Amino acid sequence: MQNSKHYRTIWISDTHLGTRDCRADFLLDFLRHNESDNLYLVGDIIDGWALRRGWYWHQTHNDVVQKILRKARKGTRVIFIPGNHDEFARQFADLMFGGIEVVDRAVHKTADGKKLLVLHGDELDGVMACAKWLAHLGDRSYMLALRINRYFNHLRLHFGYSYWSISAYLKNKVKNAASFITRFEEAVAAEAKMSNVDGVVCGHIHKAEIRKINDVLYCNDGDWVESCSALVEHGDGRLEIIYWDKLVAAQNSGHVLAPVLSFRRKAG
């Protein structure tokens, strides 16, 4: 991508730096070509769970951290909301490190006046709240699926096919997984309604989305393991989900890719 863009706000989450399946090269490219007044890091930026099991830290992961710190030094307001995988940072809530604000949750006001609750979302995940050991077991299964996915996509690339996520496909097809995602989305929307805001931005489930749930605007910025997605706010308050790997692939092929998901508040 050659042309840089400037947004009012960018939200990213679930980068899982410290794992082999973090697509840090795409993330670094995205950060290099997209600036913003506000940058929200909506949890699971660093995967402490994986790093405790075995150390992995590629140079690109370090480059991502340095790029974010550089944005903070140059005037971008960077807000870090820790998730369950980087819960070690929650003890530093309401402090600032390297120009980065650490908070448990935040309320963001868009250019067109919407108030958005911003949180990772794991605290509203029934499995995380009631059976953390089960969440860790599920995380190991998920990492196994991602490992299989990595080798599968090496073969696809060899034969000239684009990236395709097995784990994302399974999540959409397996009934229990789909039911869990729906319950999570509804719980997050209910939390926003109780907080007397117009909408919510979260991460956690690795499923990018913009939609209305019971008159609450639900936004999930996705992840940088499967979808390489970010939520952005334009200067007029319009919200859009960007899939960076698809945009890069489209530009490399000479095609123009239209915005995938966007939302604009209706007048009145």
C-alpha atoms as a PDB file:
ATOM      1  CA  MET A   1       0.000   0.000   0.000  1.00  0.00           C
ATOM      2  CA  GLN A   2       1.490   3.313  -1.039  1.00  0.00           C
ATOM      3  CA  ASN A   3      -0.992   5.966   0.122  1.00  0.00           C
ATOM      4  CA  SER A   4      -1.312   6.787   3.821  1.00  0.00           C
ATOM      5  CA  LYS A   5      -4.671   7.684   5.366  1.00  0.00           C
ATOM      6  CA  HIS A   6      -5.551   9.691   8.436  1.00  0.00           C
ATOM      7  CA  TYR A   7      -8.553   8.731  10.561  1.00  0.00           C
ATOM      8  CA  ARG A   8     -10.066  10.357  13.590  1.00  0.00           C
ATOM      9  CA  THR A   9      -9.883   7.067  15.505  1.00  0.00           C
ATOM     10  CA  ILE A  10      -8.553   3.535  15.003  1.00  0.00           C
ATOM     11  CA  TRP A  11      -9.429   0.534  17.161  1.00  0.00           C
ATOM     12  CA  ILE A  12      -7.398  -2.694  17.016  1.00  0.00           C
ATOM     13  CA  SER A  13      -7.379  -5.714  19.304  1.00  0.00           C
ATOM     14  CA  ASP A  14      -6.373  -9.348  19.575  1.00  0.00           C
ATOM     15  CA  THR A  15      -3.019  -8.954  17.867  1.00  0.00           C
ATOM     16  CA  HIS A  16      -1.586 -11.718  20.089  1.00  0.00           C
ATOM     17  CA  LEU A  17       2.005 -10.551  19.838  1.00  0.00           C
ATOM     18  CA  GLY A  18       4.187 -13.324  21.204  1.00  0.00           C
ATOM     19  CA  THR A  19       2.583 -16.093  19.141  1.00  0.00           C
ATOM     20  CA  ARG A  20       3.681 -17.559  15.823  1.00  0.00           C
ATOM     21  CA  ASP A  21       0.212 -16.977  14.403  1.00  0.00           C
ATOM     22  CA  CYS A  22       0.205 -13.205  14.944  1.00  0.00           C
ATOM     23  CA  ARG A  23       0.231 -11.647  11.473  1.00  0.00           C
ATOM     24  CA  ALA A  24       2.582  -8.921  12.640  1.00  0.00           C
ATOM     25  CA  ASP A  25       3.837  -8.158   9.130  1.00  0.00           C
ATOM     26  CA  PHE A  26       0.344  -7.055   8.045  1.00  0.00           C
ATOM     27  CA  LEU A  27      -0.186  -5.210  11.333  1.00  0.00           C
ATOM     28  CA  LEU A  28       3.086  -3.317  10.970  1.00  0.00           C
ATOM     29  CA  ASP A  29       2.193  -2.408   7.384  1.00  0.00           C
ATOM     30  CA  PHE A  30      -1.221  -1.169   8.543  1.00  0.00           C
ATOM     31  CA  LEU A  31       0.321   0.994  11.276  1.00  0.00           C
ATOM     32  CA  ARG A  32       2.832   2.457   8.818  1.00  0.00           C
ATOM     33  CA  HIS A  33       0.145   3.512   6.349  1.00  0.00           C
ATOM     34  CA  ASN A  34      -2.637   4.646   8.696  1.00  0.00           C
ATOM     35  CA  GLU A  35      -2.495   7.551  11.147  1.00  0.00           C
ATOM     36  CA  SER A  36      -5.141   8.709  13.615  1.00  0.00           C
ATOM     37  CA  ASP A  37      -5.851  11.236  16.335  1.00  0.00           C
ATOM     38  CA  ASN A  38      -6.825   8.386  18.679  1.00  0.00           C
ATOM     39  CA  LEU A  39      -5.594   4.796  18.724  1.00  0.00           C
ATOM     40  CA  TYR A  40      -7.358   2.293  20.984  1.00  0.00           C
ATOM     41  CA  LEU A  41      -5.623  -1.008  21.769  1.00  0.00           C
ATOM     42  CA  VAL A  42      -8.634  -3.066  22.819  1.00  0.00           C
ATOM     43  CA  GLY A  43      -6.967  -5.977  24.599  1.00  0.00           C
ATOM     44  CA  ASP A  44      -4.993  -9.143  23.901  1.00  0.00           C
ATOM     45  CA  ILE A  45      -2.260  -7.069  22.304  1.00  0.00           C
ATOM     46  CA  ILE A  46       0.460  -9.192  23.934  1.00  0.00           C
ATOM     47  CA  ASP A  47      -0.346 -12.860  24.545  1.00  0.00           C
ATOM     48  CA  GLY A  48       0.879 -13.478  28.082  1.00  0.00           C
ATOM     49  CA  TRP A  49      -0.736 -16.913  28.154  1.00  0.00           C
ATOM     50  CA  ALA A  50       1.313 -18.088  25.178  1.00  0.00           C
ATOM     51  CA  LEU A  51       4.536 -16.472  26.411  1.00  0.00           C
ATOM     52  CA  ARG A  52       4.217 -18.326  29.726  1.00  0.00           C
ATOM     53  CA  ARG A  53       3.966 -21.618  27.840  1.00  0.00           C
ATOM     54  CA  GLY A  54       7.043 -20.882  25.702  1.00  0.00           C
ATOM     55  CA  TRP A  55       8.890 -17.755  24.629  1.00  0.00           C
ATOM     56  CA  TYR A  56       8.416 -16.529  21.069  1.00  0.00           C
ATOM     57  CA  TRP A  57       9.063 -12.939  20.032  1.00  0.00           C
ATOM     58  CA  HIS A  58       9.822 -12.212  16.377  1.00  0.00           C
ATOM     59  CA  GLN A  59      11.524  -8.969  15.360  1.00  0.00           C
ATOM     60  CA  THR A  60       8.309  -7.826  13.664  1.00  0.00           C
ATOM     61  CA  HIS A  61       6.547  -8.063  17.041  1.00  0.00           C
ATOM     62  CA  ASN A  62       9.124  -5.721  18.510  1.00  0.00           C
ATOM     63  CA  ASP A  63       8.722  -3.431  15.478  1.00  0.00           C
ATOM     64  CA  VAL A  64       4.961  -3.233  16.104  1.00  0.00           C
ATOM     65  CA  VAL A  65       5.500  -2.188  19.741  1.00  0.00           C
ATOM     66  CA  GLN A  66       8.084   0.406  18.706  1.00  0.00           C
ATOM     67  CA  LYS A  67       5.752   1.766  16.019  1.00  0.00           C
ATOM     68  CA  ILE A  68       2.932   2.235  18.534  1.00  0.00           C
ATOM     69  CA  LEU A  69       5.283   3.971  20.984  1.00  0.00           C
ATOM     70  CA  ARG A  70       6.483   6.231  18.172  1.00  0.00           C
ATOM     71  CA  LYS A  71       2.890   7.198  17.342  1.00  0.00           C
ATOM     72  CA  ALA A  72       2.331   8.132  20.997  1.00  0.00           C
ATOM     73  CA  ARG A  73       5.477  10.284  21.004  1.00  0.00           C
ATOM     74  CA  LYS A  74       4.335  12.076  17.846  1.00  0.00           C
ATOM     75  CA  GLY A  75       0.982  13.099  19.308  1.00  0.00           C
ATOM     76  CA  THR A  76      -1.446  10.226  18.741  1.00  0.00           C
ATOM     77  CA  ARG A  77      -3.509   9.581  21.847  1.00  0.00           C
ATOM     78  CA  VAL A  78      -2.958   5.869  22.536  1.00  0.00           C
ATOM     79  CA  ILE A  79      -5.295   4.114  24.990  1.00  0.00           C
ATOM     80  CA  PHE A  80      -4.557   0.522  26.044  1.00  0.00           C
ATOM     81  CA  ILE A  81      -7.398  -1.567  27.504  1.00  0.00           C
ATOM     82  CA  PRO A  82      -5.919  -4.921  28.621  1.00  0.00           C
ATOM     83  CA  GLY A  83      -7.725  -8.161  27.794  1.00  0.00           C
ATOM     84  CA  ASN A  84      -7.587 -11.612  29.318  1.00  0.00           C
ATOM     85  CA  HIS A  85      -4.385 -12.608  27.498  1.00  0.00           C
ATOM     86  CA  ASP A  86      -2.575  -9.482  28.685  1.00  0.00           C
ATOM     87  CA  GLU A  87      -4.380  -9.241  32.040  1.00  0.00           C
ATOM     88  CA  PHE A  88      -0.988  -8.703  33.720  1.00  0.00           C
ATOM     89  CA  ALA A  89      -1.329  -5.058  32.609  1.00  0.00           C
ATOM     90  CA  ARG A  90      -4.596  -4.520  34.482  1.00  0.00           C
ATOM     91  CA  GLN A  91      -2.675  -3.793  37.678  1.00  0.00           C
ATOM     92  CA  PHE A  92      -1.396  -0.639  35.929  1.00  0.00           C
ATOM     93  CA  ALA A  93      -4.865   0.752  35.133  1.00  0.00           C
ATOM     94  CA  ASP A  94      -5.093   4.557  35.309  1.00  0.00           C
ATOM     95  CA  LEU A  95      -1.332   4.909  34.820  1.00  0.00           C
ATOM     96  CA  MET A  96       0.638   5.995  31.746  1.00  0.00           C
ATOM     97  CA  PHE A  97       3.689   4.297  30.212  1.00  0.00           C
ATOM     98  CA  GLY A  98       5.627   5.685  27.253  1.00  0.00           C
ATOM     99  CA  GLY A  99       2.775   8.059  26.507  1.00  0.00           C
ATOM    100  CA  ILE A 100       0.231   5.207  26.481  1.00  0.00           C
ATOM    101  CA  GLU A 101      -2.776   5.426  28.812  1.00  0.00           C
ATOM    102  CA  VAL A 102      -3.768   2.147  30.512  1.00  0.00           C
ATOM    103  CA  VAL A 103      -7.453   1.887  31.496  1.00  0.00           C
ATOM    104  CA  ASP A 104      -9.931  -0.915  32.222  1.00  0.00           C
ATOM    105  CA  ARG A 105     -12.524   0.584  29.862  1.00  0.00           C
ATOM    106  CA  ALA A 106     -13.220   3.915  28.200  1.00  0.00           C
ATOM    107  CA  VAL A 107     -16.019   5.976  26.661  1.00  0.00           C
ATOM    108  CA  HIS A 108     -15.264   7.434  23.241  1.00  0.00           C
ATOM    109  CA  LYS A 109     -17.310  10.243  21.694  1.00  0.00           C
ATOM    110  CA  THR A 110     -17.415  10.200  17.901  1.00  0.00           C
ATOM    111  CA  ALA A 111     -17.375  13.261  15.671  1.00  0.00           C
ATOM    112  CA  ASP A 112     -21.146  12.983  15.151  1.00  0.00           C
ATOM    113  CA  GLY A 113     -21.899  12.700  18.869  1.00  0.00           C
ATOM    114  CA  LYS A 114     -22.215   8.966  19.507  1.00  0.00           C
ATOM    115  CA  LYS A 115     -20.930   7.733  22.871  1.00  0.00           C
ATOM    116  CA  LEU A 116     -19.209   4.354  22.563  1.00  0.00           C
ATOM    117  CA  LEU A 117     -18.205   2.164  25.486  1.00  0.00           C
ATOM    118  CA  VAL A 118     -14.804   0.596  24.716  1.00  0.00           C
ATOM    119  CA  LEU A 119     -13.807  -2.635  26.492  1.00  0.00           C
ATOM    120  CA  HIS A 120     -12.131  -5.906  25.592  1.00  0.00           C
ATOM    121  CA  GLY A 121     -15.180  -7.968  26.560  1.00  0.00           C
ATOM    122  CA  ASP A 122     -13.736 -10.972  28.396  1.00  0.00           C
ATOM    123  CA  GLU A 123     -15.422  -9.870  31.636  1.00  0.00           C
ATOM    124  CA  LEU A 124     -18.761 -10.530  29.900  1.00  0.00           C
ATOM    125  CA  ASP A 125     -17.688 -13.958  28.643  1.00  0.00           C
ATOM    126  CA  GLY A 126     -19.438 -16.593  30.765  1.00  0.00           C
ATOM    127  CA  VAL A 127     -16.630 -19.099  30.293  1.00  0.00           C
ATOM    128  CA  MET A 128     -14.002 -16.595  31.424  1.00  0.00           C
ATOM    129  CA  ALA A 129     -16.107 -15.518  34.395  1.00  0.00           C
ATOM    130  CA  CYS A 130     -17.100 -18.967  35.657  1.00  0.00           C
ATOM    131  CA  ALA A 131     -14.480 -21.458  34.425  1.00  0.00           C
ATOM    132  CA  LYS A 132     -11.154 -19.881  33.544  1.00  0.00           C
ATOM    133  CA  TRP A 133      -9.523 -23.318  33.268  1.00  0.00           C
ATOM    134  CA  LEU A 134     -11.967 -24.128  30.468  1.00  0.00           C
ATOM    135  CA  ALA A 135     -10.993 -20.906  28.708  1.00  0.00           C
ATOM    136  CA  HIS A 136      -7.332 -21.945  28.858  1.00  0.00           C
ATOM    137  CA  LEU A 137      -8.245 -25.381  27.450  1.00  0.00           C
ATOM    138  CA  GLY A 138     -10.195 -23.719  24.651  1.00  0.00           C
ATOM    139  CA  ASP A 139      -7.241 -21.429  23.977  1.00  0.00           C
ATOM    140  CA  ARG A 140      -4.949 -24.435  23.488  1.00  0.00           C
ATOM    141  CA  SER A 141      -7.423 -25.999  21.058  1.00  0.00           C
ATOM    142  CA  TYR A 142      -7.683 -22.720  19.196  1.00  0.00           C
ATOM    143  CA  MET A 143      -3.890 -22.430  18.940  1.00  0.00           C
ATOM    144  CA  LEU A 144      -3.779 -25.985  17.541  1.00  0.00           C
ATOM    145  CA  ALA A 145      -6.343 -25.002  14.896  1.00  0.00           C
ATOM    146  CA  LEU A 146      -4.233 -21.958  14.031  1.00  0.00           C
ATOM    147  CA  ARG A 147      -1.107 -24.105  13.704  1.00  0.00           C
ATOM    148  CA  ILE A 148      -2.912 -26.417  11.270  1.00  0.00           C
ATOM    149  CA  ASN A 149      -4.201 -23.307   9.521  1.00  0.00           C
ATOM    150  CA  ARG A 150      -0.626 -21.997   9.098  1.00  0.00           C
ATOM    151  CA  TYR A 151       0.602 -25.104   7.262  1.00  0.00           C
ATOM    152  CA  PHE A 152      -2.612 -25.313   5.233  1.00  0.00           C
ATOM    153  CA  ASN A 153      -2.118 -21.745   3.986  1.00  0.00           C
ATOM    154  CA  HIS A 154       1.523 -22.411   3.091  1.00  0.00           C
ATOM    155  CA  LEU A 155       0.162 -24.995   0.657  1.00  0.00           C
ATOM    156  CA  ARG A 156      -2.503 -22.583  -0.637  1.00  0.00           C
ATOM    157  CA  LEU A 157       0.149 -19.934  -1.222  1.00  0.00           C
ATOM    158  CA  HIS A 158       2.336 -22.471  -3.052  1.00  0.00           C
ATOM    159  CA  PHE A 159      -0.519 -23.162  -5.466  1.00  0.00           C
ATOM    160  CA  GLY A 160      -1.350 -19.461  -5.899  1.00  0.00           C
ATOM    161  CA  TYR A 161      -4.406 -19.233  -3.654  1.00  0.00           C
ATOM    162  CA  SER A 162      -5.068 -16.447  -1.146  1.00  0.00           C
ATOM    163  CA  TYR A 163      -5.196 -16.807   2.651  1.00  0.00           C
ATOM    164  CA  TRP A 164      -8.203 -18.662   4.048  1.00  0.00           C
ATOM    165  CA  SER A 165      -8.907 -19.227   7.752  1.00  0.00           C
ATOM    166  CA  ILE A 166      -9.966 -22.740   8.794  1.00  0.00           C
ATOM    167  CA  SER A 167     -10.581 -21.606  12.379  1.00  0.00           C
ATOM    168  CA  ALA A 168     -12.846 -18.731  11.295  1.00  0.00           C
ATOM    169  CA  TYR A 169     -14.775 -21.099   9.013  1.00  0.00           C
ATOM    170  CA  LEU A 170     -15.265 -23.593  11.852  1.00  0.00           C
ATOM    171  CA  LYS A 171     -16.433 -20.864  14.255  1.00  0.00           C
ATOM    172  CA  ASN A 172     -19.087 -19.790  11.770  1.00  0.00           C
ATOM    173  CA  LYS A 173     -20.231 -23.361  11.055  1.00  0.00           C
ATOM    174  CA  VAL A 174     -20.176 -25.035  14.480  1.00  0.00           C
ATOM    175  CA  LYS A 175     -23.526 -24.502  16.190  1.00  0.00           C
ATOM    176  CA  ASN A 176     -22.155 -24.133  19.743  1.00  0.00           C
ATOM    177  CA  ALA A 177     -19.529 -21.621  18.669  1.00  0.00           C
ATOM    178  CA  ALA A 178     -22.122 -19.554  16.799  1.00  0.00           C
ATOM    179  CA  SER A 179     -24.424 -19.651  19.831  1.00  0.00           C
ATOM    180  CA  PHE A 180     -21.599 -18.520  22.130  1.00  0.00           C
ATOM    181  CA  ILE A 181     -20.753 -15.596  19.834  1.00  0.00           C
ATOM    182  CA  THR A 182     -24.402 -14.488  19.734  1.00  0.00           C
ATOM    183  CA  ARG A 183     -24.690 -14.624  23.542  1.00  0.00           C
ATOM    184  CA  PHE A 184     -21.449 -12.682  23.914  1.00  0.00           C
ATOM    185  CA  GLU A 185     -22.568  -9.963  21.482  1.00  0.00           C
ATOM    186  CA  GLU A 186     -25.899  -9.598  23.273  1.00  0.00           C
ATOM    187  CA  ALA A 187     -24.186  -9.417  26.694  1.00  0.00           C
ATOM    188  CA  VAL A 188     -21.815  -6.696  25.479  1.00  0.00           C
ATOM    189  CA  ALA A 189     -24.704  -4.727  23.963  1.00  0.00           C
ATOM    190  CA  ALA A 190     -26.642  -5.044  27.234  1.00  0.00           C
ATOM    191  CA  GLU A 191     -23.620  -3.694  29.148  1.00  0.00           C
ATOM    192  CA  ALA A 192     -23.530  -0.687  26.833  1.00  0.00           C
ATOM    193  CA  LYS A 193     -27.249  -0.066  27.370  1.00  0.00           C
ATOM    194  CA  MET A 194     -26.754  -0.202  31.152  1.00  0.00           C
ATOM    195  CA  SER A 195     -23.880   2.295  30.770  1.00  0.00           C
ATOM    196  CA  ASN A 196     -26.260   4.745  29.048  1.00  0.00           C
ATOM    197  CA  VAL A 197     -24.199   5.020  25.846  1.00  0.00           C
ATOM    198  CA  ASP A 198     -25.108   4.678  22.174  1.00  0.00           C
ATOM    199  CA  GLY A 199     -22.853   1.760  21.343  1.00  0.00           C
ATOM    200  CA  VAL A 200     -19.920  -0.406  22.236  1.00  0.00           C
ATOM    201  CA  VAL A 201     -16.558  -1.362  20.739  1.00  0.00           C
ATOM    202  CA  CYS A 202     -14.967  -4.629  21.839  1.00  0.00           C
ATOM    203  CA  GLY A 203     -12.695  -7.452  20.754  1.00  0.00           C
ATOM    204  CA  HIS A 204     -12.160 -10.886  22.347  1.00  0.00           C
ATOM    205  CA  ILE A 205     -14.077 -13.193  19.982  1.00  0.00           C
ATOM    206  CA  HIS A 206     -12.062 -12.472  16.788  1.00  0.00           C
ATOM    207  CA  LYS A 207     -15.170 -11.679  14.749  1.00  0.00           C
ATOM    208  CA  ALA A 208     -15.315  -8.214  13.167  1.00  0.00           C
ATOM    209  CA  GLU A 209     -18.828  -6.790  13.072  1.00  0.00           C
ATOM    210  CA  ILE A 210     -20.866  -3.604  12.948  1.00  0.00           C
ATOM    211  CA  ARG A 211     -24.578  -4.046  13.624  1.00  0.00           C
ATOM    212  CA  LYS A 212     -27.451  -2.895  15.780  1.00  0.00           C
ATOM    213  CA  ILE A 213     -28.468  -5.077  18.743  1.00  0.00           C
ATOM    214  CA  ASN A 214     -31.605  -3.865  20.546  1.00  0.00           C
ATOM    215  CA  ASP A 215     -30.976  -0.240  19.532  1.00  0.00           C
ATOM    216  CA  VAL A 216     -27.322  -0.451  20.631  1.00  0.00           C
ATOM    217  CA  LEU A 217     -24.584  -0.082  18.029  1.00  0.00           C
ATOM    218  CA  TYR A 218     -22.357  -3.152  18.447  1.00  0.00           C
ATOM    219  CA  CYS A 219     -18.851  -2.936  16.959  1.00  0.00           C
ATOM    220  CA  ASN A 220     -16.145  -5.577  17.143  1.00  0.00           C
ATOM    221  CA  ASP A 221     -12.790  -4.665  15.600  1.00  0.00           C
ATOM    222  CA  GLY A 222     -11.817  -8.293  14.884  1.00  0.00           C
ATOM    223  CA  ASP A 223      -8.239  -9.508  15.207  1.00  0.00           C
ATOM    224  CA  TRP A 224      -4.763  -9.783  13.679  1.00  0.00           C
ATOM    225  CA  VAL A 225      -4.517 -13.575  13.755  1.00  0.00           C
ATOM    226  CA  GLU A 226      -7.213 -14.501  11.246  1.00  0.00           C
ATOM    227  CA  SER A 227      -8.902 -11.459   9.715  1.00  0.00           C
ATOM    228  CA  CYS A 228      -6.310  -8.619   9.924  1.00  0.00           C
ATOM    229  CA  SER A 229      -9.127  -6.186  10.678  1.00  0.00           C
ATOM    230  CA  ALA A 230      -9.461  -2.799  12.350  1.00  0.00           C
ATOM    231  CA  LEU A 231     -12.360  -0.501  13.141  1.00  0.00           C
ATOM    232  CA  VAL A 232     -11.864   3.100  12.024  1.00  0.00           C
ATOM    233  CA  GLU A 233     -13.738   6.361  12.531  1.00  0.00           C
ATOM    234  CA  HIS A 234     -13.724   8.856   9.682  1.00  0.00           C
ATOM    235  CA  GLY A 235     -13.668  12.601  10.258  1.00  0.00           C
ATOM    236  CA  ASP A 236     -17.474  12.802  10.054  1.00  0.00           C
ATOM    237  CA  GLY A 237     -18.012  10.026  12.616  1.00  0.00           C
ATOM    238  CA  ARG A 238     -18.697   7.252  10.106  1.00  0.00           C
ATOM    239  CA  LEU A 239     -17.448   3.876  11.321  1.00  0.00           C
ATOM    240  CA  GLU A 240     -15.934   1.265   9.023  1.00  0.00           C
ATOM    241  CA  ILE A 241     -14.214  -2.091   9.341  1.00  0.00           C
ATOM    242  CA  ILE A 242     -11.054  -2.437   7.266  1.00  0.00           C
ATOM    243  CA  TYR A 243      -9.646  -5.831   6.319  1.00  0.00           C
ATOM    244  CA  TRP A 244      -6.031  -4.939   5.655  1.00  0.00           C
ATOM    245  CA  ASP A 245      -4.868  -8.211   4.074  1.00  0.00           C
ATOM    246  CA  LYS A 246      -7.752  -8.066   1.584  1.00  0.00           C
ATOM    247  CA  LEU A 247      -6.994  -4.430   0.734  1.00  0.00           C
ATOM    248  CA  VAL A 248      -3.320  -5.251   0.157  1.00  0.00           C
ATOM    249  CA  ALA A 249      -4.213  -8.281  -1.988  1.00  0.00           C
ATOM    250  CA  ALA A 250      -6.711  -6.203  -4.003  1.00  0.00           C
ATOM    251  CA  GLN A 251      -4.189  -3.440  -4.626  1.00  0.00           C
ATOM    252  CA  ASN A 252      -1.500  -5.921  -5.635  1.00  0.00           C
ATOM    253  CA  SER A 253      -3.909  -7.465  -8.128  1.00  0.00           C
ATOM    254  CA  GLY A 254      -4.977  -4.070  -9.477  1.00  0.00           C
ATOM    255  CA  HIS A 255      -8.558  -4.347  -8.209  1.00  0.00           C
ATOM    256  CA  VAL A 256     -10.409  -1.728  -6.180  1.00  0.00           C
ATOM    257  CA  LEU A 257     -11.991  -3.147  -3.028  1.00  0.00           C
ATOM    258  CA  ALA A 258     -15.106  -1.373  -1.709  1.00  0.00           C
ATOM    259  CA  PRO A 259     -15.534  -0.864   2.068  1.00  0.00           C
ATOM    260  CA  VAL A 260     -16.792  -4.087   3.649  1.00  0.00           C
ATOM    261  CA  LEU A 261     -18.761  -2.803   6.626  1.00  0.00           C
ATOM    262  CA  SER A 262     -19.627   0.749   7.582  1.00  0.00           C
ATOM    263  CA  PHE A 263     -22.130   2.647   9.687  1.00  0.00           C
ATOM    264  CA  ARG A 264     -23.350   6.234   9.555  1.00  0.00           C
ATOM    265  CA  ARG A 265     -25.784   7.683  12.037  1.00  0.00           C
ATOM    266  CA  LYS A 266     -29.045   8.665  10.360  1.00  0.00           C
ATOM    267  CA  ALA A 267     -30.103  12.296  10.573  1.00  0.00           C
ATOM    268  CA  GLY A 268     -32.752  13.032  13.163  1.00  0.00           C
END
